[in-house]
Amino acid sequence: MLSIAWAPLYAHPLPDNHRFPMLKYELLPEQLLREGTVPESAFFMPVAPPATDILRTHEAEYYQRLCTGGLTRQEERATGFPWSTQLIEREVTILGGTLECARRALQSGIALNIAGGTHHAFRNRGEGFCLLNDQAAAADYLLAHPEFNVRKVLIVDLDVHQGNGTASIFQQEPCVFTFSMHGARNYPHRKEQSDLDLPLPDNTDDAAYLTLLHNTLPRLLDEVQPDFVFYLSGVDVLATDKLGHLALSREGCRQRDEYVLGLCHRHKLPVVVCMGGGYSPRIADIIEAHANTFRAAAAIW
């Protein structure tokens, strides 16, 4: 059975007409339960981790200002969210969910976070709806504990936006390989250097996208020889996405997820999946694409 991190505070209230689709964190678990993809027992309630598990990745001065409302107006604006203590509780809990997913994936092969994939968060700043980098913190956590026997981590970032924060955090870390396949002309305008970046032209369709992925990921698994995989399965690659500029169908996005998860399963690699972005105007398009990720995981495991 799948393990899925989720808490009601994932659906944080935002000002009217805010462009971030916070409602998806309510609707997605409801959809998965209603259709029977997973039972209610699949969900676990994440908790805030010790500060040491955050400070392994983020600078103490930044984290202290984040927790106490000490961000400048410019820094707060860069995150895309109005600051509040409730927002910080949400971000810390999501990070805790990804840490717990990592522990569970080592036991069962896979665990998923309904949120997470906050790949625009740097060590010392947040941006692009990302305040703390949950996958980076979880990778650091695994590497810091020898009992987990994780020596090499592969981060597969297939969100439409480059994982600039993650790339920056691990630029000098040979134990983490960062792979980002993203829109070339999309946010962030100033890209960082991942271990492997595959920038895609606007309007890349299913066939071109999947061919490139099929030609890349098996080779990476052979070359990197990871012990653990983090997968960021953003659905902002959809043609319907208002921030994405690619042209994948829901079926193409589903095939992407099935391929990545299938490879991890065949290679017996534990994997943590985080949802990442999705900004289609119709919330139903976002929910259906995200739900396909969980359907694929449930079918494979």
Protein backbone atom coordinates (compact mmCIF):
# COMPACT_ATOMS: atom_id res chain seq x y z
CA MET A 1 0.00 0.00 0.00
CA LEU A 2 1.17 3.52 -0.75
CA SER A 3 2.17 5.97 1.99
CA ILE A 4 0.98 9.52 1.33
CA ALA A 5 1.83 12.60 3.37
CA TRP A 6 -1.03 15.06 3.77
CA ALA A 7 -2.36 17.49 6.35
CA PRO A 8 -5.33 19.89 6.24
CA LEU A 9 -2.97 22.86 6.65
CA TYR A 10 -1.51 22.09 3.20
CA ALA A 11 -4.52 24.04 1.87
CA HIS A 12 -3.44 27.41 3.24
CA PRO A 13 -5.83 30.37 2.81
CA LEU A 14 -4.64 32.99 0.32
CA PRO A 15 -6.00 36.39 -0.77
CA ASP A 16 -8.81 36.39 -3.32
CA ASN A 17 -7.68 35.94 -6.93
CA HIS A 18 -4.24 34.68 -5.92
CA ARG A 19 -2.81 32.72 -8.86
CA PHE A 20 -1.55 29.77 -6.80
CA PRO A 21 -4.17 26.94 -6.90
CA MET A 22 -4.17 26.13 -3.19
CA LEU A 23 -7.53 24.36 -3.55
CA LYS A 24 -5.80 21.37 -5.14
CA TYR A 25 -4.50 20.27 -1.74
CA GLU A 26 -8.09 19.75 -0.62
CA LEU A 27 -9.43 18.25 -3.83
CA LEU A 28 -6.65 15.81 -4.69
CA PRO A 29 -6.89 13.58 -1.59
CA GLU A 30 -10.69 13.69 -1.90
CA GLN A 31 -10.44 12.50 -5.51
CA LEU A 32 -8.05 9.66 -4.67
CA LEU A 33 -10.32 8.42 -1.90
CA ARG A 34 -13.55 8.81 -3.85
CA GLU A 35 -12.32 6.80 -6.83
CA GLY A 36 -10.70 4.14 -4.64
CA THR A 37 -7.13 4.64 -5.84
CA VAL A 38 -5.98 4.47 -2.22
CA PRO A 39 -7.71 3.70 1.10
CA GLU A 40 -7.89 6.28 3.86
CA SER A 41 -5.21 4.34 5.75
CA ALA A 42 -2.68 5.26 3.04
CA PHE A 43 -2.54 8.83 4.35
CA PHE A 44 -0.33 9.83 7.25
CA MET A 45 -0.20 13.16 9.05
CA PRO A 46 3.27 14.74 8.78
CA VAL A 47 4.78 16.70 11.63
CA ALA A 48 7.33 19.49 11.85
CA PRO A 49 10.86 18.06 11.97
CA PRO A 50 13.57 19.20 14.38
CA ALA A 51 15.24 22.44 13.34
CA THR A 52 18.48 20.51 12.80
CA ASP A 53 16.88 18.74 9.84
CA ILE A 54 16.17 22.12 8.25
CA LEU A 55 19.43 23.83 9.19
CA ARG A 56 21.39 21.05 7.54
CA THR A 57 20.18 22.59 4.26
CA HIS A 58 19.15 26.18 5.00
CA GLU A 59 21.18 28.98 6.53
CA ALA A 60 20.30 29.66 10.16
CA GLU A 61 19.97 33.42 9.65
CA TYR A 62 17.48 32.94 6.82
CA TYR A 63 15.46 30.35 8.73
CA GLN A 64 15.32 32.54 11.82
CA ARG A 65 14.02 35.50 9.80
CA LEU A 66 11.56 33.26 7.99
CA CYS A 67 10.10 32.01 11.27
CA THR A 68 9.91 35.41 12.94
CA GLY A 69 8.55 37.51 10.08
CA GLY A 70 11.89 39.16 9.41
CA LEU A 71 11.86 38.94 5.62
CA THR A 72 12.09 42.20 3.73
CA ARG A 73 9.13 43.18 1.58
CA GLN A 74 11.19 42.32 -1.49
CA GLU A 75 12.04 38.88 -0.12
CA GLU A 76 8.43 38.21 0.79
CA ARG A 77 7.27 39.33 -2.65
CA ALA A 78 9.77 36.95 -4.26
CA THR A 79 8.17 33.99 -2.48
CA GLY A 80 4.75 34.81 -3.94
CA PHE A 81 2.99 34.29 -0.61
CA PRO A 82 2.03 36.78 2.12
CA TRP A 83 3.95 35.86 5.27
CA SER A 84 2.17 34.51 8.35
CA THR A 85 3.00 32.12 11.17
CA GLN A 86 0.45 29.70 9.69
CA LEU A 87 2.25 29.78 6.34
CA ILE A 88 5.56 28.89 7.99
CA GLU A 89 3.89 26.06 9.91
CA ARG A 90 2.62 24.78 6.56
CA GLU A 91 6.03 24.94 4.89
CA VAL A 92 7.81 23.24 7.77
CA THR A 93 5.15 20.51 7.94
CA ILE A 94 5.42 19.85 4.19
CA LEU A 95 9.19 19.47 4.61
CA GLY A 96 8.58 17.10 7.49
CA GLY A 97 6.25 15.12 5.24
CA THR A 98 8.98 14.63 2.65
CA LEU A 99 11.45 13.55 5.34
CA GLU A 100 8.99 10.96 6.62
CA CYS A 101 8.29 9.87 3.04
CA ALA A 102 12.03 9.21 2.63
CA ARG A 103 12.07 6.98 5.69
CA ARG A 104 8.99 5.10 4.51
CA ALA A 105 10.26 4.70 0.95
CA LEU A 106 13.34 2.93 2.30
CA GLN A 107 10.96 0.35 3.78
CA SER A 108 8.27 0.02 1.10
CA GLY A 109 9.90 1.32 -2.10
CA ILE A 110 7.81 4.46 -2.56
CA ALA A 111 6.09 7.26 -0.67
CA LEU A 112 4.38 10.39 -1.96
CA ASN A 113 3.73 13.86 -0.62
CA ILE A 114 0.52 15.59 -1.72
CA ALA A 115 2.57 18.81 -1.68
CA GLY A 116 6.32 19.47 -1.76
CA GLY A 117 8.77 19.77 -4.60
CA THR A 118 9.68 23.30 -3.48
CA HIS A 119 12.68 23.45 -5.78
CA HIS A 120 12.99 27.26 -6.04
CA ALA A 121 14.05 27.61 -2.40
CA PHE A 122 17.78 28.33 -1.98
CA ARG A 123 19.86 27.91 1.15
CA ASN A 124 19.35 31.56 2.07
CA ARG A 125 16.18 32.68 0.32
CA GLY A 126 12.83 31.62 -1.06
CA GLU A 127 11.16 32.40 -4.36
CA GLY A 128 8.49 31.14 -6.73
CA PHE A 129 6.05 29.78 -4.08
CA CYS A 130 8.95 27.95 -2.37
CA LEU A 131 10.26 28.92 1.06
CA LEU A 132 12.04 25.75 2.22
CA ASN A 133 13.47 23.11 -0.12
CA ASP A 134 11.88 19.86 1.04
CA GLN A 135 13.58 17.45 -1.36
CA ALA A 136 16.99 19.00 -0.73
CA ALA A 137 16.46 18.74 3.04
CA ALA A 138 15.38 15.10 2.70
CA ALA A 139 18.40 14.25 0.53
CA ASP A 140 20.70 15.88 3.08
CA TYR A 141 18.91 13.97 5.85
CA LEU A 142 19.44 10.59 4.19
CA LEU A 143 23.11 11.29 3.49
CA ALA A 144 23.70 12.46 7.07
CA HIS A 145 22.51 9.15 8.55
CA PRO A 146 24.84 6.22 7.72
CA GLU A 147 22.28 3.72 8.98
CA PHE A 148 20.15 4.42 5.89
CA ASN A 149 23.02 3.26 3.64
CA VAL A 150 22.29 5.98 1.08
CA ARG A 151 25.50 7.17 -0.56
CA LYS A 152 24.19 8.68 -3.79
CA VAL A 153 20.91 10.51 -4.45
CA LEU A 154 19.36 11.32 -7.83
CA ILE A 155 16.83 14.16 -8.03
CA VAL A 156 14.63 13.88 -11.13
CA ASP A 157 12.94 17.25 -11.57
CA LEU A 158 10.33 17.20 -14.34
CA ASP A 159 8.45 20.31 -13.27
CA VAL A 160 8.24 22.77 -16.17
CA HIS A 161 10.42 25.25 -14.26
CA GLN A 162 14.09 24.62 -13.61
CA GLY A 163 14.90 23.51 -10.07
CA ASN A 164 17.22 26.46 -9.56
CA GLY A 165 17.26 26.34 -5.77
CA THR A 166 18.00 22.61 -5.72
CA ALA A 167 20.75 23.01 -8.33
CA SER A 168 22.37 25.78 -6.31
CA ILE A 169 22.19 23.88 -3.02
CA PHE A 170 23.93 20.81 -4.44
CA GLN A 171 26.35 22.47 -6.87
CA GLN A 172 29.33 21.38 -4.77
CA GLU A 173 27.83 18.13 -3.46
CA PRO A 174 29.01 15.04 -5.40
CA CYS A 175 26.66 12.74 -3.49
CA VAL A 176 23.56 14.37 -5.05
CA PHE A 177 22.99 14.42 -8.82
CA THR A 178 20.45 17.01 -9.96
CA PHE A 179 18.58 16.45 -13.24
CA SER A 180 16.14 19.10 -14.46
CA MET A 181 14.12 18.89 -17.69
CA HIS A 182 12.27 22.17 -18.09
CA GLY A 183 11.04 24.92 -20.37
CA ALA A 184 14.04 26.82 -21.75
CA ARG A 185 12.34 30.22 -21.81
CA ASN A 186 10.34 29.79 -18.63
CA TYR A 187 10.83 30.96 -15.05
CA PRO A 188 13.37 31.38 -13.54
CA HIS A 189 14.88 33.74 -16.08
CA ARG A 190 18.30 33.29 -14.50
CA LYS A 191 18.94 29.56 -14.42
CA GLU A 192 21.37 27.80 -12.12
CA GLN A 193 23.49 24.87 -13.30
CA SER A 194 22.16 21.42 -12.48
CA ASP A 195 24.34 18.36 -12.99
CA LEU A 196 22.20 17.80 -16.07
CA ASP A 197 19.86 20.41 -17.54
CA LEU A 198 17.65 19.64 -20.53
CA PRO A 199 15.99 22.92 -21.59
CA LEU A 200 12.99 22.40 -23.87
CA PRO A 201 11.64 24.74 -26.55
CA ASP A 202 8.13 26.14 -26.23
CA ASN A 203 5.34 23.82 -27.43
CA THR A 204 7.32 20.61 -26.90
CA ASP A 205 4.74 17.84 -27.36
CA ASP A 206 4.26 14.34 -25.95
CA ALA A 207 6.36 12.54 -28.54
CA ALA A 208 9.40 14.83 -28.31
CA TYR A 209 9.25 15.02 -24.52
CA LEU A 210 8.89 11.30 -23.91
CA THR A 211 11.56 10.40 -26.47
CA LEU A 212 14.07 12.67 -24.75
CA LEU A 213 13.15 11.29 -21.33
CA HIS A 214 13.45 7.68 -22.57
CA ASN A 215 16.86 8.46 -24.06
CA THR A 216 18.12 10.12 -20.89
CA LEU A 217 16.87 8.54 -17.68
CA PRO A 218 18.09 4.93 -18.17
CA ARG A 219 21.55 6.27 -19.00
CA LEU A 220 21.50 8.43 -15.87
CA LEU A 221 20.61 5.49 -13.68
CA ASP A 222 23.52 3.54 -15.13
CA GLU A 223 26.00 6.41 -14.78
CA VAL A 224 24.94 7.88 -11.44
CA GLN A 225 24.16 4.55 -9.73
CA PRO A 226 21.86 6.18 -7.17
CA ASP A 227 20.71 4.51 -3.99
CA PHE A 228 17.64 6.75 -3.74
CA VAL A 229 15.52 8.88 -6.09
CA PHE A 230 13.46 12.00 -5.48
CA TYR A 231 10.95 12.65 -8.26
CA LEU A 232 9.32 16.04 -8.77
CA SER A 233 6.24 15.34 -10.92
CA GLY A 234 4.99 18.86 -11.72
CA VAL A 235 1.95 18.93 -14.01
CA ASP A 236 2.70 22.43 -15.31
CA VAL A 237 4.06 20.67 -18.42
CA LEU A 238 0.45 20.42 -19.67
CA ALA A 239 -0.58 22.33 -22.76
CA THR A 240 -3.42 23.82 -20.69
CA ASP A 241 -1.04 25.33 -18.12
CA LYS A 242 -1.02 29.12 -18.11
CA LEU A 243 2.58 29.31 -16.82
CA GLY A 244 4.13 26.36 -18.63
CA HIS A 245 4.48 26.97 -22.40
CA LEU A 246 4.93 23.26 -23.19
CA ALA A 247 2.32 21.16 -24.99
CA LEU A 248 1.92 17.85 -23.20
CA SER A 249 -1.45 16.17 -23.03
CA ARG A 250 -2.75 14.58 -19.83
CA GLU A 251 -2.03 11.21 -21.43
CA GLY A 252 1.56 12.24 -22.15
CA CYS A 253 1.97 13.44 -18.58
CA ARG A 254 0.59 10.12 -17.32
CA GLN A 255 3.02 8.18 -19.52
CA ARG A 256 5.87 10.30 -18.13
CA ASP A 257 4.98 9.33 -14.57
CA GLU A 258 4.51 5.66 -15.43
CA TYR A 259 7.91 5.60 -17.11
CA VAL A 260 9.83 7.26 -14.27
CA LEU A 261 8.15 5.21 -11.55
CA GLY A 262 8.42 2.01 -13.57
CA LEU A 263 12.16 2.48 -13.97
CA CYS A 264 12.60 3.07 -10.26
CA HIS A 265 10.59 -0.06 -9.50
CA ARG A 266 12.51 -2.24 -11.95
CA HIS A 267 15.84 -0.99 -10.59
CA LYS A 268 14.61 -1.51 -7.00
CA LEU A 269 15.29 2.14 -6.21
CA PRO A 270 13.32 3.71 -3.36
CA VAL A 271 11.60 6.85 -4.58
CA VAL A 272 9.84 9.81 -3.00
CA VAL A 273 7.39 11.67 -5.23
CA CYS A 274 6.40 15.32 -4.66
CA MET A 275 3.71 17.04 -6.70
CA GLY A 276 5.34 20.34 -7.69
CA GLY A 277 3.50 22.88 -9.85
CA GLY A 278 0.33 22.96 -11.90
CA TYR A 279 -1.44 26.13 -13.03
CA SER A 280 -4.07 25.16 -15.59
CA PRO A 281 -7.08 27.53 -15.47
CA ARG A 282 -9.44 24.60 -14.83
CA ILE A 283 -8.72 23.06 -11.42
CA ALA A 284 -10.09 19.75 -12.77
CA ASP A 285 -7.19 19.54 -15.24
CA ILE A 286 -4.70 19.97 -12.40
CA ILE A 287 -6.37 17.40 -10.15
CA GLU A 288 -6.73 14.80 -12.88
CA ALA A 289 -3.07 15.10 -13.90
CA HIS A 290 -1.85 14.89 -10.30
CA ALA A 291 -4.19 11.96 -9.63
CA ASN A 292 -2.60 10.10 -12.55
CA THR A 293 0.71 10.16 -10.66
CA PHE A 294 -0.88 8.36 -7.71
CA ARG A 295 -2.73 5.95 -10.00
CA ALA A 296 0.55 5.03 -11.65
CA ALA A 297 2.24 4.49 -8.29
CA ALA A 298 -0.66 2.37 -7.01
CA ALA A 299 -0.58 0.20 -10.15
CA ILE A 300 3.19 -0.34 -10.10
CA TRP A 301 3.54 -0.96 -6.38
